[in-house]
C-alpha atoms as a PDB file:
ATOM      1  CA  MET A   1     -11.664 -25.811  21.829  1.00  0.00           C
ATOM      2  CA  THR A   2     -13.686 -26.369  18.654  1.00  0.00           C
ATOM      3  CA  ALA A   3     -16.385 -28.138  20.708  1.00  0.00           C
ATOM      4  CA  ASN A   4     -17.463 -24.772  22.112  1.00  0.00           C
ATOM      5  CA  LEU A   5     -20.738 -24.079  20.295  1.00  0.00           C
ATOM      6  CA  ASN A   6     -20.467 -20.368  21.086  1.00  0.00           C
ATOM      7  CA  TYR A   7     -16.909 -20.085  19.764  1.00  0.00           C
ATOM      8  CA  ARG A   8     -16.298 -16.892  17.819  1.00  0.00           C
ATOM      9  CA  THR A   9     -13.835 -16.298  14.994  1.00  0.00           C
ATOM     10  CA  GLY A  10     -13.522 -13.194  12.867  1.00  0.00           C
ATOM     11  CA  TYR A  11     -11.367 -10.661  11.082  1.00  0.00           C
ATOM     12  CA  ILE A  12     -10.583  -7.259  12.580  1.00  0.00           C
ATOM     13  CA  ALA A  13      -8.973  -4.513  10.477  1.00  0.00           C
ATOM     14  CA  ILE A  14      -6.638  -2.091  12.233  1.00  0.00           C
ATOM     15  CA  ILE A  15      -6.646   1.201  10.340  1.00  0.00           C
ATOM     16  CA  GLY A  16      -5.446   4.755  10.844  1.00  0.00           C
ATOM     17  CA  ARG A  17      -3.059   7.326   9.470  1.00  0.00           C
ATOM     18  CA  PRO A  18       0.694   6.610   9.583  1.00  0.00           C
ATOM     19  CA  ASN A  19       2.492   6.634  12.950  1.00  0.00           C
ATOM     20  CA  VAL A  20      -0.472   6.130  15.292  1.00  0.00           C
ATOM     21  CA  GLY A  21       0.859   2.768  16.535  1.00  0.00           C
ATOM     22  CA  LYS A  22      -1.123   0.212  14.517  1.00  0.00           C
ATOM     23  CA  SER A  23       1.710  -2.319  14.192  1.00  0.00           C
ATOM     24  CA  THR A  24       2.686  -1.984  17.856  1.00  0.00           C
ATOM     25  CA  LEU A  25      -0.956  -2.592  18.768  1.00  0.00           C
ATOM     26  CA  LEU A  26      -1.084  -5.711  16.585  1.00  0.00           C
ATOM     27  CA  ASN A  27       2.164  -7.130  17.978  1.00  0.00           C
ATOM     28  CA  ASN A  28       1.113  -6.616  21.592  1.00  0.00           C
ATOM     29  CA  LEU A  29      -2.379  -8.017  21.048  1.00  0.00           C
ATOM     30  CA  VAL A  30      -0.946 -11.148  19.422  1.00  0.00           C
ATOM     31  CA  GLY A  31       1.899 -11.411  21.906  1.00  0.00           C
ATOM     32  CA  GLN A  32       4.782 -11.520  19.462  1.00  0.00           C
ATOM     33  CA  LYS A  33       6.313  -9.549  16.605  1.00  0.00           C
ATOM     34  CA  VAL A  34       4.410 -10.144  13.379  1.00  0.00           C
ATOM     35  CA  SER A  35       4.469  -6.590  11.984  1.00  0.00           C
ATOM     36  CA  ILE A  36       7.493  -4.301  11.796  1.00  0.00           C
ATOM     37  CA  THR A  37       7.558  -0.961  13.569  1.00  0.00           C
ATOM     38  CA  SER A  38       9.395   2.342  13.373  1.00  0.00           C
ATOM     39  CA  LYS A  39       8.672   6.008  13.986  1.00  0.00           C
ATOM     40  CA  LYS A  40       8.627   6.686  10.252  1.00  0.00           C
ATOM     41  CA  ALA A  41       5.515   6.665   8.102  1.00  0.00           C
ATOM     42  CA  GLN A  42       4.980   3.921   5.539  1.00  0.00           C
ATOM     43  CA  THR A  43       6.581   1.229   7.714  1.00  0.00           C
ATOM     44  CA  THR A  44       3.738  -1.223   7.029  1.00  0.00           C
ATOM     45  CA  ARG A  45       3.221  -1.678   3.288  1.00  0.00           C
ATOM     46  CA  HIS A  46       1.317  -4.969   3.137  1.00  0.00           C
ATOM     47  CA  ARG A  47      -1.812  -6.356   4.706  1.00  0.00           C
ATOM     48  CA  ILE A  48      -0.530  -8.549   7.544  1.00  0.00           C
ATOM     49  CA  ASN A  49      -2.639 -10.933   9.597  1.00  0.00           C
ATOM     50  CA  GLY A  50      -1.840 -11.486  13.267  1.00  0.00           C
ATOM     51  CA  ILE A  51      -3.720 -14.273  15.042  1.00  0.00           C
ATOM     52  CA  LEU A  52      -4.702 -14.528  18.716  1.00  0.00           C
ATOM     53  CA  THR A  53      -6.480 -17.668  19.873  1.00  0.00           C
ATOM     54  CA  ASP A  54      -8.023 -18.265  23.302  1.00  0.00           C
ATOM     55  CA  GLU A  55     -10.674 -20.585  24.758  1.00  0.00           C
ATOM     56  CA  GLN A  56     -13.563 -18.447  23.519  1.00  0.00           C
ATOM     57  CA  SER A  57     -12.411 -16.812  20.304  1.00  0.00           C
ATOM     58  CA  GLN A  58      -9.924 -16.539  17.482  1.00  0.00           C
ATOM     59  CA  PHE A  59      -9.124 -12.932  16.643  1.00  0.00           C
ATOM     60  CA  ILE A  60      -7.586 -12.476  13.184  1.00  0.00           C
ATOM     61  CA  PHE A  61      -6.175  -8.955  13.154  1.00  0.00           C
ATOM     62  CA  VAL A  62      -5.380  -7.289   9.843  1.00  0.00           C
ATOM     63  CA  ASP A  63      -2.642  -4.672  10.129  1.00  0.00           C
ATOM     64  CA  THR A  64      -3.013  -2.302   7.186  1.00  0.00           C
ATOM     65  CA  PRO A  65      -0.663   0.340   5.765  1.00  0.00           C
ATOM     66  CA  GLY A  66      -1.168   3.848   7.107  1.00  0.00           C
ATOM     67  CA  PHE A  67      -3.489   5.680   4.705  1.00  0.00           C
ATOM     68  CA  GLN A  68      -1.208   7.835   2.564  1.00  0.00           C
ATOM     69  CA  THR A  69      -1.832  11.452   1.615  1.00  0.00           C
ATOM     70  CA  ARG A  70       1.776  12.566   1.222  1.00  0.00           C
ATOM     71  CA  HIS A  71       3.237  10.148  -1.360  1.00  0.00           C
ATOM     72  CA  THR A  72       1.497   9.658  -4.717  1.00  0.00           C
ATOM     73  CA  ASN A  73       3.381   6.949  -6.615  1.00  0.00           C
ATOM     74  CA  ARG A  74       1.885   3.645  -7.757  1.00  0.00           C
ATOM     75  CA  LEU A  75       3.141   1.892  -4.610  1.00  0.00           C
ATOM     76  CA  ASN A  76       1.198   4.230  -2.335  1.00  0.00           C
ATOM     77  CA  SER A  77      -1.928   3.953  -4.480  1.00  0.00           C
ATOM     78  CA  LEU A  78      -1.753   0.179  -4.036  1.00  0.00           C
ATOM     79  CA  MET A  79      -1.229   0.605  -0.289  1.00  0.00           C
ATOM     80  CA  ASN A  80      -4.291   2.857  -0.005  1.00  0.00           C
ATOM     81  CA  ARG A  81      -6.307   0.315  -1.980  1.00  0.00           C
ATOM     82  CA  THR A  82      -5.228  -2.327   0.544  1.00  0.00           C
ATOM     83  CA  VAL A  83      -6.676  -0.180   3.352  1.00  0.00           C
ATOM     84  CA  THR A  84     -10.066   0.274   1.671  1.00  0.00           C
ATOM     85  CA  GLN A  85     -10.311  -3.384   0.601  1.00  0.00           C
ATOM     86  CA  SER A  86      -9.420  -4.597   4.082  1.00  0.00           C
ATOM     87  CA  MET A  87     -12.363  -2.726   5.589  1.00  0.00           C
ATOM     88  CA  ARG A  88     -14.735  -4.479   3.190  1.00  0.00           C
ATOM     89  CA  ASP A  89     -13.412  -7.937   4.068  1.00  0.00           C
ATOM     90  CA  VAL A  90     -13.634  -7.874   7.880  1.00  0.00           C
ATOM     91  CA  ASP A  91     -16.185  -8.238  10.671  1.00  0.00           C
ATOM     92  CA  VAL A  92     -14.929  -5.378  12.857  1.00  0.00           C
ATOM     93  CA  VAL A  93     -12.860  -2.248  12.196  1.00  0.00           C
ATOM     94  CA  ILE A  94     -10.500  -0.698  14.754  1.00  0.00           C
ATOM     95  CA  PHE A  95      -9.780   2.954  13.987  1.00  0.00           C
ATOM     96  CA  VAL A  96      -6.609   4.042  15.792  1.00  0.00           C
ATOM     97  CA  ILE A  97      -5.810   7.654  16.637  1.00  0.00           C
ATOM     98  CA  GLU A  98      -3.393   9.283  19.093  1.00  0.00           C
ATOM     99  CA  ALA A  99      -4.687  10.537  22.420  1.00  0.00           C
ATOM    100  CA  LEU A 100      -5.873  14.165  22.197  1.00  0.00           C
ATOM    101  CA  HIS A 101      -4.914  14.342  18.504  1.00  0.00           C
ATOM    102  CA  PHE A 102      -7.456  14.380  15.685  1.00  0.00           C
ATOM    103  CA  ASP A 103      -6.496  16.318  12.575  1.00  0.00           C
ATOM    104  CA  GLU A 104      -7.242  16.385   8.858  1.00  0.00           C
ATOM    105  CA  ARG A 105      -5.136  13.267   8.243  1.00  0.00           C
ATOM    106  CA  ASP A 106      -7.299  11.338  10.706  1.00  0.00           C
ATOM    107  CA  ARG A 107     -10.435  12.838   9.219  1.00  0.00           C
ATOM    108  CA  LEU A 108      -9.502  11.531   5.772  1.00  0.00           C
ATOM    109  CA  VAL A 109      -9.403   8.009   7.229  1.00  0.00           C
ATOM    110  CA  LEU A 110     -12.628   8.643   9.154  1.00  0.00           C
ATOM    111  CA  LYS A 111     -14.393   9.309   5.848  1.00  0.00           C
ATOM    112  CA  LEU A 112     -13.480   5.788   4.723  1.00  0.00           C
ATOM    113  CA  LEU A 113     -15.046   4.062   7.739  1.00  0.00           C
ATOM    114  CA  PRO A 114     -17.851   1.615   6.916  1.00  0.00           C
ATOM    115  CA  VAL A 115     -21.341   2.220   8.277  1.00  0.00           C
ATOM    116  CA  ASP A 116     -22.465  -1.391   7.863  1.00  0.00           C
ATOM    117  CA  ARG A 117     -20.180  -2.974  10.499  1.00  0.00           C
ATOM    118  CA  PRO A 118     -18.974  -2.070  13.979  1.00  0.00           C
ATOM    119  CA  VAL A 119     -16.122   0.433  14.235  1.00  0.00           C
ATOM    120  CA  ILE A 120     -14.244   0.645  17.528  1.00  0.00           C
ATOM    121  CA  LEU A 121     -12.260   3.810  18.182  1.00  0.00           C
ATOM    122  CA  VAL A 122      -8.924   3.090  19.863  1.00  0.00           C
ATOM    123  CA  ILE A 123      -7.270   6.134  21.419  1.00  0.00           C
ATOM    124  CA  ASN A 124      -3.622   5.113  21.642  1.00  0.00           C
ATOM    125  CA  LYS A 125      -0.598   6.419  23.590  1.00  0.00           C
ATOM    126  CA  ILE A 126      -2.486   7.319  26.766  1.00  0.00           C
ATOM    127  CA  ASP A 127       0.712   6.517  28.687  1.00  0.00           C
ATOM    128  CA  GLN A 128       2.097   9.786  27.304  1.00  0.00           C
ATOM    129  CA  LEU A 129      -0.656  11.868  28.911  1.00  0.00           C
ATOM    130  CA  ALA A 130       0.359  13.627  32.102  1.00  0.00           C
ATOM    131  CA  ASP A 131      -3.265  14.592  32.809  1.00  0.00           C
ATOM    132  CA  LYS A 132      -5.654  11.699  32.089  1.00  0.00           C
ATOM    133  CA  SER A 133      -8.681  13.869  32.928  1.00  0.00           C
ATOM    134  CA  ARG A 134      -8.277  15.507  29.518  1.00  0.00           C
ATOM    135  CA  LEU A 135      -9.420  12.248  27.920  1.00  0.00           C
ATOM    136  CA  LEU A 136     -13.099  12.633  28.838  1.00  0.00           C
ATOM    137  CA  PRO A 137     -13.784  15.822  26.827  1.00  0.00           C
ATOM    138  CA  PHE A 138     -11.766  14.325  23.967  1.00  0.00           C
ATOM    139  CA  LEU A 139     -13.957  11.194  24.016  1.00  0.00           C
ATOM    140  CA  GLU A 140     -17.059  13.376  24.018  1.00  0.00           C
ATOM    141  CA  LYS A 141     -15.710  15.258  21.011  1.00  0.00           C
ATOM    142  CA  MET A 142     -14.955  12.030  19.123  1.00  0.00           C
ATOM    143  CA  ALA A 143     -18.412  10.624  19.853  1.00  0.00           C
ATOM    144  CA  LYS A 144     -19.813  13.447  17.715  1.00  0.00           C
ATOM    145  CA  GLU A 145     -17.556  12.589  14.767  1.00  0.00           C
ATOM    146  CA  PHE A 146     -18.879   9.065  14.078  1.00  0.00           C
ATOM    147  CA  ALA A 147     -21.255   6.444  15.485  1.00  0.00           C
ATOM    148  CA  PHE A 148     -18.545   4.294  17.046  1.00  0.00           C
ATOM    149  CA  ALA A 149     -19.580   0.945  18.539  1.00  0.00           C
ATOM    150  CA  ALA A 150     -17.174   1.688  21.412  1.00  0.00           C
ATOM    151  CA  MET A 151     -14.257   3.938  22.336  1.00  0.00           C
ATOM    152  CA  ILE A 152     -11.309   2.417  24.220  1.00  0.00           C
ATOM    153  CA  PRO A 153      -8.278   4.415  25.444  1.00  0.00           C
ATOM    154  CA  VAL A 154      -5.137   2.218  25.368  1.00  0.00           C
ATOM    155  CA  SER A 155      -1.383   2.211  25.393  1.00  0.00           C
ATOM    156  CA  ALA A 156      -0.283  -0.320  22.783  1.00  0.00           C
ATOM    157  CA  GLN A 157       3.334   0.124  23.867  1.00  0.00           C
ATOM    158  CA  GLU A 158       2.647  -0.555  27.555  1.00  0.00           C
ATOM    159  CA  GLY A 159      -0.203  -3.040  27.051  1.00  0.00           C
ATOM    160  CA  MET A 160      -2.672  -0.851  28.960  1.00  0.00           C
ATOM    161  CA  GLN A 161      -6.376  -1.647  28.375  1.00  0.00           C
ATOM    162  CA  LEU A 162      -5.670  -4.335  25.755  1.00  0.00           C
ATOM    163  CA  PRO A 163      -7.699  -7.025  27.599  1.00  0.00           C
ATOM    164  CA  GLU A 164     -10.604  -4.558  27.688  1.00  0.00           C
ATOM    165  CA  LEU A 165     -10.227  -4.013  23.951  1.00  0.00           C
ATOM    166  CA  LEU A 166     -10.389  -7.763  23.292  1.00  0.00           C
ATOM    167  CA  SER A 167     -13.486  -8.093  25.480  1.00  0.00           C
ATOM    168  CA  THR A 168     -15.106  -5.285  23.509  1.00  0.00           C
ATOM    169  CA  ILE A 169     -14.311  -6.875  20.136  1.00  0.00           C
ATOM    170  CA  ARG A 170     -15.373 -10.448  21.022  1.00  0.00           C
ATOM    171  CA  PRO A 171     -19.210 -10.040  20.924  1.00  0.00           C
ATOM    172  CA  TYR A 172     -18.994  -8.581  17.406  1.00  0.00           C
ATOM    173  CA  LEU A 173     -17.238 -11.646  15.958  1.00  0.00           C
ATOM    174  CA  PRO A 174     -19.461 -14.246  14.240  1.00  0.00           C
ATOM    175  CA  GLU A 175     -19.964 -17.663  15.810  1.00  0.00           C
ATOM    176  CA  ASN A 176     -17.503 -19.821  13.900  1.00  0.00           C
ATOM    177  CA  PRO A 177     -14.849 -22.445  14.716  1.00  0.00           C
ATOM    178  CA  PRO A 178     -11.199 -21.308  14.522  1.00  0.00           C
ATOM    179  CA  LEU A 179      -9.707 -20.949  11.032  1.00  0.00           C
ATOM    180  CA  PHE A 180      -6.058 -21.297  12.095  1.00  0.00           C
ATOM    181  CA  ASP A 181      -4.092 -23.592  14.356  1.00  0.00           C
ATOM    182  CA  PRO A 182      -4.036 -22.254  17.951  1.00  0.00           C
ATOM    183  CA  ASP A 183      -0.233 -21.952  17.859  1.00  0.00           C
ATOM    184  CA  GLU A 184      -0.156 -19.776  14.740  1.00  0.00           C
ATOM    185  CA  ALA A 185       0.564 -16.080  15.306  1.00  0.00           C
ATOM    186  CA  THR A 186       0.504 -15.029  11.628  1.00  0.00           C
ATOM    187  CA  ASP A 187      -0.407 -16.402   8.220  1.00  0.00           C
ATOM    188  CA  ARG A 188       2.680 -14.836   6.637  1.00  0.00           C
ATOM    189  CA  SER A 189       5.620 -17.013   5.606  1.00  0.00           C
ATOM    190  CA  GLU A 190       9.096 -16.908   7.178  1.00  0.00           C
ATOM    191  CA  ARG A 191      10.359 -15.626   3.827  1.00  0.00           C
ATOM    192  CA  PHE A 192       8.004 -12.639   4.048  1.00  0.00           C
ATOM    193  CA  ILE A 193       8.880 -11.971   7.699  1.00  0.00           C
ATOM    194  CA  ALA A 194      12.617 -12.071   6.890  1.00  0.00           C
ATOM    195  CA  ALA A 195      12.174  -9.374   4.225  1.00  0.00           C
ATOM    196  CA  GLU A 196      10.106  -7.243   6.589  1.00  0.00           C
ATOM    197  CA  LEU A 197      12.682  -7.451   9.381  1.00  0.00           C
ATOM    198  CA  ILE A 198      15.416  -6.266   7.014  1.00  0.00           C
ATOM    199  CA  ARG A 199      13.183  -3.393   5.912  1.00  0.00           C
ATOM    200  CA  GLU A 200      12.522  -2.461   9.542  1.00  0.00           C
ATOM    201  CA  LYS A 201      16.255  -2.121  10.226  1.00  0.00           C
ATOM    202  CA  LEU A 202      16.619  -0.071   7.049  1.00  0.00           C
ATOM    203  CA  PHE A 203      13.954   2.302   8.404  1.00  0.00           C
ATOM    204  CA  ARG A 204      15.615   2.567  11.776  1.00  0.00           C
ATOM    205  CA  LEU A 205      19.228   2.973  10.663  1.00  0.00           C
ATOM    206  CA  THR A 206      18.938   5.318   7.663  1.00  0.00           C
ATOM    207  CA  GLY A 207      17.740   8.862   7.060  1.00  0.00           C
ATOM    208  CA  GLU A 208      14.284  10.123   6.173  1.00  0.00           C
ATOM    209  CA  GLU A 209      14.461   9.694   2.404  1.00  0.00           C
ATOM    210  CA  ILE A 210      15.989   6.230   1.998  1.00  0.00           C
ATOM    211  CA  PRO A 211      13.232   3.883   3.257  1.00  0.00           C
ATOM    212  CA  TYR A 212      10.598   5.293   0.898  1.00  0.00           C
ATOM    213  CA  SER A 213      12.836   4.546  -2.071  1.00  0.00           C
ATOM    214  CA  ALA A 214      13.738   1.008  -1.028  1.00  0.00           C
ATOM    215  CA  SER A 215      12.246  -2.455  -0.925  1.00  0.00           C
ATOM    216  CA  ILE A 216      13.516  -5.948  -0.108  1.00  0.00           C
ATOM    217  CA  THR A 217      13.659  -9.155  -2.127  1.00  0.00           C
ATOM    218  CA  ILE A 218      14.556 -12.569  -0.732  1.00  0.00           C
ATOM    219  CA  ASP A 219      16.564 -14.264  -3.481  1.00  0.00           C
ATOM    220  CA  LYS A 220      17.232 -17.496  -1.596  1.00  0.00           C
ATOM    221  CA  PHE A 221      15.769 -19.037   1.575  1.00  0.00           C
ATOM    222  CA  THR A 222      16.826 -22.559   2.565  1.00  0.00           C
ATOM    223  CA  THR A 223      16.574 -24.533   5.793  1.00  0.00           C
ATOM    224  CA  GLU A 224      19.128 -27.053   7.026  1.00  0.00           C
ATOM    225  CA  GLY A 225      17.918 -28.424  10.353  1.00  0.00           C
ATOM    226  CA  ASP A 226      17.572 -25.406  12.645  1.00  0.00           C
ATOM    227  CA  LEU A 227      19.761 -23.233  10.390  1.00  0.00           C
ATOM    228  CA  ARG A 228      18.133 -20.872   7.895  1.00  0.00           C
ATOM    229  CA  LYS A 229      20.291 -19.536   5.059  1.00  0.00           C
ATOM    230  CA  ILE A 230      18.897 -16.315   3.626  1.00  0.00           C
ATOM    231  CA  HIS A 231      20.189 -14.241   0.711  1.00  0.00           C
ATOM    232  CA  ALA A 232      18.435 -10.883   0.416  1.00  0.00           C
ATOM    233  CA  CYS A 233      18.685  -7.775  -1.728  1.00  0.00           C
ATOM    234  CA  ILE A 234      17.759  -4.183  -0.882  1.00  0.00           C
ATOM    235  CA  ILE A 235      16.331  -2.505  -3.998  1.00  0.00           C
ATOM    236  CA  VAL A 236      16.885   1.271  -4.134  1.00  0.00           C
ATOM    237  CA  ASP A 237      15.880   4.014  -6.516  1.00  0.00           C
ATOM    238  CA  LYS A 238      19.204   5.892  -6.827  1.00  0.00           C
ATOM    239  CA  ALA A 239      22.915   5.101  -6.823  1.00  0.00           C
ATOM    240  CA  GLY A 240      23.388   7.676  -4.071  1.00  0.00           C
ATOM    241  CA  HIS A 241      20.971   5.729  -1.863  1.00  0.00           C
ATOM    242  CA  LYS A 242      23.017   2.575  -2.401  1.00  0.00           C
ATOM    243  CA  ALA A 243      26.133   4.338  -1.146  1.00  0.00           C
ATOM    244  CA  ILE A 244      24.328   5.621   1.954  1.00  0.00           C
ATOM    245  CA  ILE A 245      22.969   2.174   2.836  1.00  0.00           C
ATOM    246  CA  ILE A 246      26.347   0.505   2.406  1.00  0.00           C
ATOM    247  CA  GLY A 247      28.059   3.247   4.421  1.00  0.00           C
ATOM    248  CA  LYS A 248      31.755   3.801   5.059  1.00  0.00           C
ATOM    249  CA  ASP A 249      33.632   0.517   4.740  1.00  0.00           C
ATOM    250  CA  GLY A 250      30.266  -1.278   4.564  1.00  0.00           C
ATOM    251  CA  GLU A 251      29.500  -0.536   8.227  1.00  0.00           C
ATOM    252  CA  LYS A 252      25.892   0.634   7.731  1.00  0.00           C
ATOM    253  CA  LEU A 253      24.884  -2.409   5.683  1.00  0.00           C
ATOM    254  CA  LYS A 254      26.615  -4.670   8.197  1.00  0.00           C
ATOM    255  CA  ALA A 255      24.623  -3.097  11.052  1.00  0.00           C
ATOM    256  CA  ILE A 256      21.337  -3.501   9.136  1.00  0.00           C
ATOM    257  CA  ALA A 257      22.082  -7.164   8.412  1.00  0.00           C
ATOM    258  CA  THR A 258      23.303  -7.941  11.935  1.00  0.00           C
ATOM    259  CA  GLN A 259      20.267  -6.436  13.659  1.00  0.00           C
ATOM    260  CA  ALA A 260      17.891  -8.112  11.185  1.00  0.00           C
ATOM    261  CA  ARG A 261      19.600 -11.494  11.700  1.00  0.00           C
ATOM    262  CA  LYS A 262      19.296 -11.239  15.487  1.00  0.00           C
ATOM    263  CA  ASP A 263      15.562 -10.490  15.214  1.00  0.00           C
ATOM    264  CA  MET A 264      15.080 -13.379  12.767  1.00  0.00           C
ATOM    265  CA  GLU A 265      16.742 -15.766  15.190  1.00  0.00           C
ATOM    266  CA  LYS A 266      14.323 -14.661  17.930  1.00  0.00           C
ATOM    267  CA  VAL A 267      11.255 -14.948  15.703  1.00  0.00           C
ATOM    268  CA  PHE A 268      12.243 -18.218  13.966  1.00  0.00           C
ATOM    269  CA  GLY A 269      13.724 -19.874  17.035  1.00  0.00           C
ATOM    270  CA  GLY A 270      16.961 -20.981  15.364  1.00  0.00           C
ATOM    271  CA  LYS A 271      20.252 -19.843  13.860  1.00  0.00           C
ATOM    272  CA  VAL A 272      20.231 -17.660  10.736  1.00  0.00           C
ATOM    273  CA  TYR A 273      22.953 -17.105   8.140  1.00  0.00           C
ATOM    274  CA  LEU A 274      22.092 -13.848   6.358  1.00  0.00           C
ATOM    275  CA  GLU A 275      23.711 -12.143   3.383  1.00  0.00           C
ATOM    276  CA  VAL A 276      22.378  -8.790   2.152  1.00  0.00           C
ATOM    277  CA  TRP A 277      23.267  -6.909  -1.048  1.00  0.00           C
ATOM    278  CA  VAL A 278      22.093  -3.561  -2.433  1.00  0.00           C
ATOM    279  CA  LYS A 279      20.925  -3.080  -6.021  1.00  0.00           C
ATOM    280  CA  VAL A 280      19.757   0.045  -7.906  1.00  0.00           C
ATOM    281  CA  LYS A 281      16.483  -0.116  -9.866  1.00  0.00           C
ATOM    282  CA  THR A 282      15.369   3.393 -10.777  1.00  0.00           C
ATOM    283  CA  GLY A 283      11.600   3.976 -10.685  1.00  0.00           C
ATOM    284  CA  TRP A 284      10.737   0.654  -9.027  1.00  0.00           C
ATOM    285  CA  ALA A 285       7.906   2.229  -6.964  1.00  0.00           C
ATOM    286  CA  ASP A 286       6.075   3.122 -10.210  1.00  0.00           C
ATOM    287  CA  ASP A 287       6.947  -0.087 -12.075  1.00  0.00           C
ATOM    288  CA  ALA A 288       3.828  -2.293 -12.146  1.00  0.00           C
ATOM    289  CA  GLN A 289       5.745  -5.476 -12.964  1.00  0.00           C
ATOM    290  CA  MET A 290       8.330  -4.831 -10.258  1.00  0.00           C
ATOM    291  CA  LEU A 291       5.633  -4.063  -7.675  1.00  0.00           C
ATOM    292  CA  LYS A 292       3.828  -7.283  -8.558  1.00  0.00           C
ATOM    293  CA  SER A 293       7.038  -9.290  -8.069  1.00  0.00           C
ATOM    294  CA  LEU A 294       7.418  -7.648  -4.638  1.00  0.00           C
ATOM    295  CA  GLY A 295       3.905  -8.718  -3.642  1.00  0.00           C
ATOM    296  CA  TYR A 296       2.029  -5.436  -4.104  1.00  0.00           C
ATOM    297  CA  GLY A 297      -1.292  -5.568  -5.906  1.00  0.00           C
END
């Protein structure tokens, strides 16, 4: 593979407002789950690299947090900084919006787009359009908003048009040998992925308020053959949140841990023993030292 003199390798940032499907797009481009998903905003908090390697190219996708306008704590400031820094560090930018939707939240992200590198507009969720003919006037409208290198309608969920998206990206990548092993799908550690999978289940199984006031720490991660033993802690802002997460007779916490463990076993390819606790740390999302220990900034 490396003998190919025209081999291309580069970084591609995936940006957009919350809930447009950035993490789903990354996972389906790479072909496996490397970034957690949910219907709630702020699911992705870190910069996460997903890697796709073929005979011609190595695509290193950077899934960024959704650019935040609603929440204003230190955590969200750091997340927004991650978005802007990611665009400076890549070869190509993918700007994701929903089909037929372009509002002020999208426009705020549009204003951040670089003019010194190619930006590809990805119009996601076209599988939800009953009348596809409405796409053409929408594309014409978007062409007036920014000098996009290309505009590709896709369905990240259904995998529609993803090969076309890759073919569009490839010529913009610099000629370089691959940076990662062909079998690697992400540069994130199993420890990091374990924490993210717990956080995903927290998003999916609790109410609107809880996930934004919670984070995950992995206190212990050991491997014995194919068995991984993981001890994790959910950090919450209020005692009331702890009670909600634990649930009646511990049922909610048990469901979170069980679903997370099953996903870990799929991703890691082996058995997982998982224990999860809940701890209250008021104001953690504004605590610089705490945020640093959690890997933010």
